[in-house]
Amino acid sequence: MPSPAEETRIAVIGIVVENPDSVEALNDILHEYRTFIIGRMGIPYRQKQLSIISIAIDAPQPVISALSGKIGKLPGVSSKTAYSGVKS
């Protein structure tokens, strides 16, 4: 857990879930990082049988990297992270 004085970054993680079997593991990971998550939006795209999720997060750089890495290791799940220039 980061100290209160540790610098944080604002980021958005875009996630595409093509394997429905990975949804439970993804939700477990997001629950683990819930204290850093500002908001989450999920869009089921039924015509293409996939889900699109965006996660807004405010966390230290190592925490964001760890979260993104765990998500990227899930089968049938891809993610990209975009960072704000704002640091707090």
PDB file of N, CA and C in Angstrom:
ATOM      1  N   MET A   1       0.859  -1.182   0.000  1.00  0.00           N
ATOM      2  CA  MET A   1       0.000   0.000   0.000  1.00  0.00           C
ATOM      3  C   MET A   1       0.899   1.237   0.000  1.00  0.00           C
ATOM      4  N   PRO A   2       0.651   2.187  -0.882  1.00  0.00           N
ATOM      5  CA  PRO A   2       1.483   3.381  -0.961  1.00  0.00           C
ATOM      6  C   PRO A   2       1.264   4.292   0.250  1.00  0.00           C
ATOM      7  N   SER A   3       2.297   5.054   0.552  1.00  0.00           N
ATOM      8  CA  SER A   3       2.171   6.020   1.639  1.00  0.00           C
ATOM      9  C   SER A   3       1.374   7.220   1.149  1.00  0.00           C
ATOM     10  N   PRO A   4       0.739   7.978   2.073  1.00  0.00           N
ATOM     11  CA  PRO A   4      -0.060   9.142   1.654  1.00  0.00           C
ATOM     12  C   PRO A   4       0.749  10.183   0.888  1.00  0.00           C
ATOM     13  N   ALA A   5       2.050  10.243   1.141  1.00  0.00           N
ATOM     14  CA  ALA A   5       2.883  11.241   0.477  1.00  0.00           C
ATOM     15  C   ALA A   5       3.360  10.790  -0.903  1.00  0.00           C
ATOM     16  N   GLU A   6       3.131   9.527  -1.244  1.00  0.00           N
ATOM     17  CA  GLU A   6       3.598   9.014  -2.529  1.00  0.00           C
ATOM     18  C   GLU A   6       2.827   9.655  -3.687  1.00  0.00           C
ATOM     19  N   GLU A   7       3.566  10.061  -4.709  1.00  0.00           N
ATOM     20  CA  GLU A   7       2.963  10.707  -5.876  1.00  0.00           C
ATOM     21  C   GLU A   7       2.099   9.724  -6.655  1.00  0.00           C
ATOM     22  N   THR A   8       0.927  10.191  -7.090  1.00  0.00           N
ATOM     23  CA  THR A   8       0.039   9.339  -7.875  1.00  0.00           C
ATOM     24  C   THR A   8      -0.143   9.910  -9.268  1.00  0.00           C
ATOM     25  N   ARG A   9      -0.634   9.066 -10.146  1.00  0.00           N
ATOM     26  CA  ARG A   9      -0.918   9.456 -11.525  1.00  0.00           C
ATOM     27  C   ARG A   9      -2.386   9.171 -11.815  1.00  0.00           C
ATOM     28  N   ILE A  10      -2.942   9.927 -12.728  1.00  0.00           N
ATOM     29  CA  ILE A  10      -4.289   9.686 -13.213  1.00  0.00           C
ATOM     30  C   ILE A  10      -4.140   8.953 -14.548  1.00  0.00           C
ATOM     31  N   ALA A  11      -4.897   7.866 -14.703  1.00  0.00           N
ATOM     32  CA  ALA A  11      -4.804   7.095 -15.944  1.00  0.00           C
ATOM     33  C   ALA A  11      -6.159   6.496 -16.281  1.00  0.00           C
ATOM     34  N   VAL A  12      -6.292   6.111 -17.540  1.00  0.00           N
ATOM     35  CA  VAL A  12      -7.457   5.370 -18.009  1.00  0.00           C
ATOM     36  C   VAL A  12      -6.939   4.075 -18.621  1.00  0.00           C
ATOM     37  N   ILE A  13      -7.513   2.975 -18.178  1.00  0.00           N
ATOM     38  CA  ILE A  13      -7.157   1.678 -18.746  1.00  0.00           C
ATOM     39  C   ILE A  13      -8.330   1.221 -19.607  1.00  0.00           C
ATOM     40  N   GLY A  14      -8.075   1.051 -20.896  1.00  0.00           N
ATOM     41  CA  GLY A  14      -9.081   0.533 -21.822  1.00  0.00           C
ATOM     42  C   GLY A  14      -8.916  -0.969 -21.943  1.00  0.00           C
ATOM     43  N   ILE A  15      -9.998  -1.704 -21.760  1.00  0.00           N
ATOM     44  CA  ILE A  15      -9.949  -3.169 -21.738  1.00  0.00           C
ATOM     45  C   ILE A  15     -10.960  -3.723 -22.740  1.00  0.00           C
ATOM     46  N   VAL A  16     -10.532  -4.701 -23.536  1.00  0.00           N
ATOM     47  CA  VAL A  16     -11.432  -5.423 -24.434  1.00  0.00           C
ATOM     48  C   VAL A  16     -11.402  -6.889 -24.010  1.00  0.00           C
ATOM     49  N   VAL A  17     -12.588  -7.405 -23.683  1.00  0.00           N
ATOM     50  CA  VAL A  17     -12.713  -8.790 -23.233  1.00  0.00           C
ATOM     51  C   VAL A  17     -13.373  -9.601 -24.343  1.00  0.00           C
ATOM     52  N   GLU A  18     -12.601 -10.503 -24.939  1.00  0.00           N
ATOM     53  CA  GLU A  18     -13.120 -11.366 -26.002  1.00  0.00           C
ATOM     54  C   GLU A  18     -13.431 -12.769 -25.490  1.00  0.00           C
ATOM     55  N   ASN A  19     -12.902 -13.118 -24.318  1.00  0.00           N
ATOM     56  CA  ASN A  19     -13.122 -14.439 -23.732  1.00  0.00           C
ATOM     57  C   ASN A  19     -13.986 -14.296 -22.482  1.00  0.00           C
ATOM     58  N   PRO A  20     -15.262 -14.685 -22.559  1.00  0.00           N
ATOM     59  CA  PRO A  20     -16.142 -14.527 -21.401  1.00  0.00           C
ATOM     60  C   PRO A  20     -15.691 -15.325 -20.182  1.00  0.00           C
ATOM     61  N   ASP A  21     -14.870 -16.358 -20.389  1.00  0.00           N
ATOM     62  CA  ASP A  21     -14.365 -17.147 -19.269  1.00  0.00           C
ATOM     63  C   ASP A  21     -13.385 -16.359 -18.397  1.00  0.00           C
ATOM     64  N   SER A  22     -12.868 -15.237 -18.894  1.00  0.00           N
ATOM     65  CA  SER A  22     -11.924 -14.422 -18.136  1.00  0.00           C
ATOM     66  C   SER A  22     -12.598 -13.323 -17.316  1.00  0.00           C
ATOM     67  N   VAL A  23     -13.911 -13.161 -17.461  1.00  0.00           N
ATOM     68  CA  VAL A  23     -14.612 -12.058 -16.796  1.00  0.00           C
ATOM     69  C   VAL A  23     -14.514 -12.156 -15.274  1.00  0.00           C
ATOM     70  N   GLU A  24     -14.694 -13.342 -14.725  1.00  0.00           N
ATOM     71  CA  GLU A  24     -14.640 -13.486 -13.265  1.00  0.00           C
ATOM     72  C   GLU A  24     -13.248 -13.126 -12.729  1.00  0.00           C
ATOM     73  N   ALA A  25     -12.200 -13.592 -13.387  1.00  0.00           N
ATOM     74  CA  ALA A  25     -10.832 -13.267 -12.961  1.00  0.00           C
ATOM     75  C   ALA A  25     -10.573 -11.768 -13.086  1.00  0.00           C
ATOM     76  N   LEU A  26     -11.074 -11.150 -14.161  1.00  0.00           N
ATOM     77  CA  LEU A  26     -10.922  -9.707 -14.337  1.00  0.00           C
ATOM     78  C   LEU A  26     -11.610  -8.955 -13.203  1.00  0.00           C
ATOM     79  N   ASN A  27     -12.830  -9.342 -12.879  1.00  0.00           N
ATOM     80  CA  ASN A  27     -13.545  -8.680 -11.787  1.00  0.00           C
ATOM     81  C   ASN A  27     -12.826  -8.856 -10.453  1.00  0.00           C
ATOM     82  N   ASP A  28     -12.215 -10.011 -10.227  1.00  0.00           N
ATOM     83  CA  ASP A  28     -11.440 -10.234  -8.996  1.00  0.00           C
ATOM     84  C   ASP A  28     -10.243  -9.280  -8.926  1.00  0.00           C
ATOM     85  N   ILE A  29      -9.569  -9.101 -10.052  1.00  0.00           N
ATOM     86  CA  ILE A  29      -8.424  -8.186 -10.097  1.00  0.00           C
ATOM     87  C   ILE A  29      -8.878  -6.752  -9.828  1.00  0.00           C
ATOM     88  N   LEU A  30      -9.952  -6.336 -10.487  1.00  0.00           N
ATOM     89  CA  LEU A  30     -10.446  -4.971 -10.294  1.00  0.00           C
ATOM     90  C   LEU A  30     -10.896  -4.758  -8.850  1.00  0.00           C
ATOM     91  N   HIS A  31     -11.480  -5.774  -8.240  1.00  0.00           N
ATOM     92  CA  HIS A  31     -11.879  -5.669  -6.831  1.00  0.00           C
ATOM     93  C   HIS A  31     -10.648  -5.475  -5.933  1.00  0.00           C
ATOM     94  N   GLU A  32      -9.576  -6.163  -6.265  1.00  0.00           N
ATOM     95  CA  GLU A  32      -8.328  -6.054  -5.502  1.00  0.00           C
ATOM     96  C   GLU A  32      -7.787  -4.613  -5.527  1.00  0.00           C
ATOM     97  N   TYR A  33      -7.994  -3.904  -6.612  1.00  0.00           N
ATOM     98  CA  TYR A  33      -7.480  -2.538  -6.786  1.00  0.00           C
ATOM     99  C   TYR A  33      -8.562  -1.473  -6.590  1.00  0.00           C
ATOM    100  N   ARG A  34      -9.681  -1.836  -5.991  1.00  0.00           N
ATOM    101  CA  ARG A  34     -10.847  -0.946  -5.871  1.00  0.00           C
ATOM    102  C   ARG A  34     -10.539   0.375  -5.166  1.00  0.00           C
ATOM    103  N   THR A  35      -9.575   0.400  -4.241  1.00  0.00           N
ATOM    104  CA  THR A  35      -9.288   1.648  -3.517  1.00  0.00           C
ATOM    105  C   THR A  35      -8.679   2.706  -4.424  1.00  0.00           C
ATOM    106  N   PHE A  36      -8.133   2.314  -5.565  1.00  0.00           N
ATOM    107  CA  PHE A  36      -7.505   3.253  -6.492  1.00  0.00           C
ATOM    108  C   PHE A  36      -8.421   3.635  -7.652  1.00  0.00           C
ATOM    109  N   ILE A  37      -9.469   2.858  -7.866  1.00  0.00           N
ATOM    110  CA  ILE A  37     -10.339   3.060  -9.026  1.00  0.00           C
ATOM    111  C   ILE A  37     -11.310   4.208  -8.762  1.00  0.00           C
ATOM    112  N   ILE A  38     -11.284   5.201  -9.644  1.00  0.00           N
ATOM    113  CA  ILE A  38     -12.183   6.360  -9.553  1.00  0.00           C
ATOM    114  C   ILE A  38     -13.549   5.986 -10.123  1.00  0.00           C
ATOM    115  N   GLY A  39     -13.547   5.288 -11.241  1.00  0.00           N
ATOM    116  CA  GLY A  39     -14.798   4.907 -11.891  1.00  0.00           C
ATOM    117  C   GLY A  39     -14.565   3.835 -12.932  1.00  0.00           C
ATOM    118  N   ARG A  40     -15.662   3.201 -13.307  1.00  0.00           N
ATOM    119  CA  ARG A  40     -15.603   2.090 -14.263  1.00  0.00           C
ATOM    120  C   ARG A  40     -16.831   2.152 -15.162  1.00  0.00           C
ATOM    121  N   MET A  41     -16.616   1.938 -16.460  1.00  0.00           N
ATOM    122  CA  MET A  41     -17.731   1.886 -17.400  1.00  0.00           C
ATOM    123  C   MET A  41     -17.561   0.631 -18.260  1.00  0.00           C
ATOM    124  N   GLY A  42     -18.595  -0.178 -18.320  1.00  0.00           N
ATOM    125  CA  GLY A  42     -18.550  -1.380 -19.131  1.00  0.00           C
ATOM    126  C   GLY A  42     -19.642  -1.351 -20.184  1.00  0.00           C
ATOM    127  N   ILE A  43     -19.289  -1.749 -21.391  1.00  0.00           N
ATOM    128  CA  ILE A  43     -20.242  -1.764 -22.500  1.00  0.00           C
ATOM    129  C   ILE A  43     -20.217  -3.158 -23.128  1.00  0.00           C
ATOM    130  N   PRO A  44     -21.312  -3.901 -23.007  1.00  0.00           N
ATOM    131  CA  PRO A  44     -21.359  -5.183 -23.718  1.00  0.00           C
ATOM    132  C   PRO A  44     -21.654  -4.937 -25.197  1.00  0.00           C
ATOM    133  N   TYR A  45     -20.846  -5.504 -26.063  1.00  0.00           N
ATOM    134  CA  TYR A  45     -21.054  -5.371 -27.502  1.00  0.00           C
ATOM    135  C   TYR A  45     -21.506  -6.740 -28.009  1.00  0.00           C
ATOM    136  N   ARG A  46     -22.773  -6.997 -27.872  1.00  0.00           N
ATOM    137  CA  ARG A  46     -23.342  -8.319 -28.126  1.00  0.00           C
ATOM    138  C   ARG A  46     -23.166  -8.780 -29.574  1.00  0.00           C
ATOM    139  N   GLN A  47     -23.257  -7.854 -30.524  1.00  0.00           N
ATOM    140  CA  GLN A  47     -23.118  -8.227 -31.939  1.00  0.00           C
ATOM    141  C   GLN A  47     -21.743  -8.848 -32.222  1.00  0.00           C
ATOM    142  N   LYS A  48     -20.731  -8.399 -31.486  1.00  0.00           N
ATOM    143  CA  LYS A  48     -19.365  -8.912 -31.686  1.00  0.00           C
ATOM    144  C   LYS A  48     -18.959  -9.891 -30.587  1.00  0.00           C
ATOM    145  N   GLN A  49     -19.855 -10.138 -29.635  1.00  0.00           N
ATOM    146  CA  GLN A  49     -19.620 -11.050 -28.520  1.00  0.00           C
ATOM    147  C   GLN A  49     -18.360 -10.682 -27.733  1.00  0.00           C
ATOM    148  N   LEU A  50     -18.280  -9.403 -27.370  1.00  0.00           N
ATOM    149  CA  LEU A  50     -17.177  -8.943 -26.536  1.00  0.00           C
ATOM    150  C   LEU A  50     -17.654  -7.816 -25.629  1.00  0.00           C
ATOM    151  N   SER A  51     -16.827  -7.461 -24.688  1.00  0.00           N
ATOM    152  CA  SER A  51     -17.130  -6.350 -23.774  1.00  0.00           C
ATOM    153  C   SER A  51     -16.006  -5.342 -23.817  1.00  0.00           C
ATOM    154  N   ILE A  52     -16.373  -4.078 -23.694  1.00  0.00           N
ATOM    155  CA  ILE A  52     -15.413  -2.976 -23.670  1.00  0.00           C
ATOM    156  C   ILE A  52     -15.558  -2.303 -22.313  1.00  0.00           C
ATOM    157  N   ILE A  53     -14.439  -2.183 -21.604  1.00  0.00           N
ATOM    158  CA  ILE A  53     -14.459  -1.621 -20.254  1.00  0.00           C
ATOM    159  C   ILE A  53     -13.413  -0.520 -20.176  1.00  0.00           C
ATOM    160  N   SER A  54     -13.767   0.581 -19.522  1.00  0.00           N
ATOM    161  CA  SER A  54     -12.767   1.608 -19.236  1.00  0.00           C
ATOM    162  C   SER A  54     -12.719   1.821 -17.729  1.00  0.00           C
ATOM    163  N   ILE A  55     -11.506   1.946 -17.229  1.00  0.00           N
ATOM    164  CA  ILE A  55     -11.259   2.131 -15.802  1.00  0.00           C
ATOM    165  C   ILE A  55     -10.488   3.426 -15.620  1.00  0.00           C
ATOM    166  N   ALA A  56     -11.020   4.348 -14.826  1.00  0.00           N
ATOM    167  CA  ALA A  56     -10.289   5.561 -14.452  1.00  0.00           C
ATOM    168  C   ALA A  56      -9.645   5.275 -13.101  1.00  0.00           C
ATOM    169  N   ILE A  57      -8.359   5.582 -12.983  1.00  0.00           N
ATOM    170  CA  ILE A  57      -7.609   5.231 -11.782  1.00  0.00           C
ATOM    171  C   ILE A  57      -6.695   6.365 -11.346  1.00  0.00           C
ATOM    172  N   ASP A  58      -6.535   6.518 -10.043  1.00  0.00           N
ATOM    173  CA  ASP A  58      -5.600   7.479  -9.449  1.00  0.00           C
ATOM    174  C   ASP A  58      -4.733   6.684  -8.490  1.00  0.00           C
ATOM    175  N   ALA A  59      -3.491   6.416  -8.893  1.00  0.00           N
ATOM    176  CA  ALA A  59      -2.631   5.529  -8.112  1.00  0.00           C
ATOM    177  C   ALA A  59      -1.168   5.810  -8.428  1.00  0.00           C
ATOM    178  N   PRO A  60      -0.248   5.344  -7.578  1.00  0.00           N
ATOM    179  CA  PRO A  60       1.174   5.443  -7.908  1.00  0.00           C
ATOM    180  C   PRO A  60       1.481   4.641  -9.179  1.00  0.00           C
ATOM    181  N   GLN A  61       2.482   5.075  -9.905  1.00  0.00           N
ATOM    182  CA  GLN A  61       2.865   4.427 -11.166  1.00  0.00           C
ATOM    183  C   GLN A  61       3.033   2.910 -11.029  1.00  0.00           C
ATOM    184  N   PRO A  62       3.717   2.393  -9.998  1.00  0.00           N
ATOM    185  CA  PRO A  62       3.878   0.942  -9.895  1.00  0.00           C
ATOM    186  C   PRO A  62       2.550   0.195  -9.726  1.00  0.00           C
ATOM    187  N   VAL A  63       1.595   0.805  -9.067  1.00  0.00           N
ATOM    188  CA  VAL A  63       0.285   0.182  -8.880  1.00  0.00           C
ATOM    189  C   VAL A  63      -0.452   0.094 -10.212  1.00  0.00           C
ATOM    190  N   ILE A  64      -0.425   1.173 -10.988  1.00  0.00           N
ATOM    191  CA  ILE A  64      -1.078   1.174 -12.307  1.00  0.00           C
ATOM    192  C   ILE A  64      -0.435   0.125 -13.211  1.00  0.00           C
ATOM    193  N   SER A  65       0.883   0.054 -13.195  1.00  0.00           N
ATOM    194  CA  SER A  65       1.597  -0.928 -14.020  1.00  0.00           C
ATOM    195  C   SER A  65       1.249  -2.353 -13.605  1.00  0.00           C
ATOM    196  N   ALA A  66       1.176  -2.597 -12.299  1.00  0.00           N
ATOM    197  CA  ALA A  66       0.843  -3.935 -11.805  1.00  0.00           C
ATOM    198  C   ALA A  66      -0.574  -4.330 -12.232  1.00  0.00           C
ATOM    199  N   LEU A  67      -1.514  -3.413 -12.094  1.00  0.00           N
ATOM    200  CA  LEU A  67      -2.895  -3.686 -12.490  1.00  0.00           C
ATOM    201  C   LEU A  67      -2.973  -3.983 -13.983  1.00  0.00           C
ATOM    202  N   SER A  68      -2.385  -3.137 -14.784  1.00  0.00           N
ATOM    203  CA  SER A  68      -2.410  -3.314 -16.230  1.00  0.00           C
ATOM    204  C   SER A  68      -1.747  -4.630 -16.637  1.00  0.00           C
ATOM    205  N   GLY A  69      -0.652  -4.972 -15.976  1.00  0.00           N
ATOM    206  CA  GLY A  69       0.046  -6.228 -16.269  1.00  0.00           C
ATOM    207  C   GLY A  69      -0.802  -7.446 -15.952  1.00  0.00           C
ATOM    208  N   LYS A  70      -1.472  -7.423 -14.804  1.00  0.00           N
ATOM    209  CA  LYS A  70      -2.339  -8.549 -14.428  1.00  0.00           C
ATOM    210  C   LYS A  70      -3.492  -8.706 -15.413  1.00  0.00           C
ATOM    211  N   ILE A  71      -4.064  -7.586 -15.826  1.00  0.00           N
ATOM    212  CA  ILE A  71      -5.176  -7.636 -16.786  1.00  0.00           C
ATOM    213  C   ILE A  71      -4.690  -8.219 -18.114  1.00  0.00           C
ATOM    214  N   GLY A  72      -3.531  -7.766 -18.568  1.00  0.00           N
ATOM    215  CA  GLY A  72      -2.986  -8.207 -19.850  1.00  0.00           C
ATOM    216  C   GLY A  72      -2.621  -9.678 -19.911  1.00  0.00           C
ATOM    217  N   LYS A  73      -2.447 -10.312 -18.760  1.00  0.00           N
ATOM    218  CA  LYS A  73      -2.097 -11.735 -18.733  1.00  0.00           C
ATOM    219  C   LYS A  73      -3.326 -12.650 -18.828  1.00  0.00           C
ATOM    220  N   LEU A  74      -4.505 -12.070 -18.710  1.00  0.00           N
ATOM    221  CA  LEU A  74      -5.714 -12.885 -18.782  1.00  0.00           C
ATOM    222  C   LEU A  74      -5.951 -13.337 -20.224  1.00  0.00           C
ATOM    223  N   PRO A  75      -6.345 -14.601 -20.419  1.00  0.00           N
ATOM    224  CA  PRO A  75      -6.595 -15.076 -21.787  1.00  0.00           C
ATOM    225  C   PRO A  75      -7.801 -14.384 -22.421  1.00  0.00           C
ATOM    226  N   GLY A  76      -7.611 -13.916 -23.645  1.00  0.00           N
ATOM    227  CA  GLY A  76      -8.701 -13.278 -24.374  1.00  0.00           C
ATOM    228  C   GLY A  76      -9.024 -11.886 -23.900  1.00  0.00           C
ATOM    229  N   VAL A  77      -8.091 -11.254 -23.183  1.00  0.00           N
ATOM    230  CA  VAL A  77      -8.287  -9.896 -22.674  1.00  0.00           C
ATOM    231  C   VAL A  77      -7.097  -9.046 -23.115  1.00  0.00           C
ATOM    232  N   SER A  78      -7.384  -7.876 -23.682  1.00  0.00           N
ATOM    233  CA  SER A  78      -6.314  -6.947 -24.041  1.00  0.00           C
ATOM    234  C   SER A  78      -6.577  -5.606 -23.366  1.00  0.00           C
ATOM    235  N   SER A  79      -5.492  -4.882 -23.094  1.00  0.00           N
ATOM    236  CA  SER A  79      -5.655  -3.586 -22.432  1.00  0.00           C
ATOM    237  C   SER A  79      -4.555  -2.626 -22.858  1.00  0.00           C
ATOM    238  N   LYS A  80      -4.889  -1.360 -22.770  1.00  0.00           N
ATOM    239  CA  LYS A  80      -3.943  -0.271 -23.023  1.00  0.00           C
ATOM    240  C   LYS A  80      -4.185   0.798 -21.971  1.00  0.00           C
ATOM    241  N   THR A  81      -3.120   1.447 -21.553  1.00  0.00           N
ATOM    242  CA  THR A  81      -3.212   2.479 -20.523  1.00  0.00           C
ATOM    243  C   THR A  81      -2.793   3.822 -21.099  1.00  0.00           C
ATOM    244  N   ALA A  82      -3.592   4.828 -20.828  1.00  0.00           N
ATOM    245  CA  ALA A  82      -3.278   6.213 -21.217  1.00  0.00           C
ATOM    246  C   ALA A  82      -3.146   7.030 -19.940  1.00  0.00           C
ATOM    247  N   TYR A  83      -2.070   7.790 -19.832  1.00  0.00           N
ATOM    248  CA  TYR A  83      -1.784   8.572 -18.627  1.00  0.00           C
ATOM    249  C   TYR A  83      -2.069  10.055 -18.836  1.00  0.00           C
ATOM    250  N   SER A  84      -2.572  10.676 -17.796  1.00  0.00           N
ATOM    251  CA  SER A  84      -2.742  12.114 -17.782  1.00  0.00           C
ATOM    252  C   SER A  84      -1.397  12.748 -17.448  1.00  0.00           C
ATOM    253  N   GLY A  85      -1.223  13.987 -17.809  1.00  0.00           N
ATOM    254  CA  GLY A  85      -0.030  14.713 -17.420  1.00  0.00           C
ATOM    255  C   GLY A  85      -0.086  15.169 -15.971  1.00  0.00           C
ATOM    256  N   VAL A  86      -1.231  15.017 -15.333  1.00  0.00           N
ATOM    257  CA  VAL A  86      -1.433  15.475 -13.963  1.00  0.00           C
ATOM    258  C   VAL A  86      -0.849  14.480 -12.985  1.00  0.00           C
ATOM    259  N   LYS A  87      -0.050  14.980 -12.060  1.00  0.00           N
ATOM    260  CA  LYS A  87       0.480  14.156 -10.973  1.00  0.00           C
ATOM    261  C   LYS A  87       0.027  14.790  -9.688  1.00  0.00           C
ATOM    262  N   SER A  88      -0.279  13.965  -8.688  1.00  0.00           N
ATOM    263  CA  SER A  88      -0.693  14.528  -7.412  1.00  0.00           C
ATOM    264  C   SER A  88       0.077  13.911  -6.266  1.00  0.00           C
TER     265      SER A  88
END
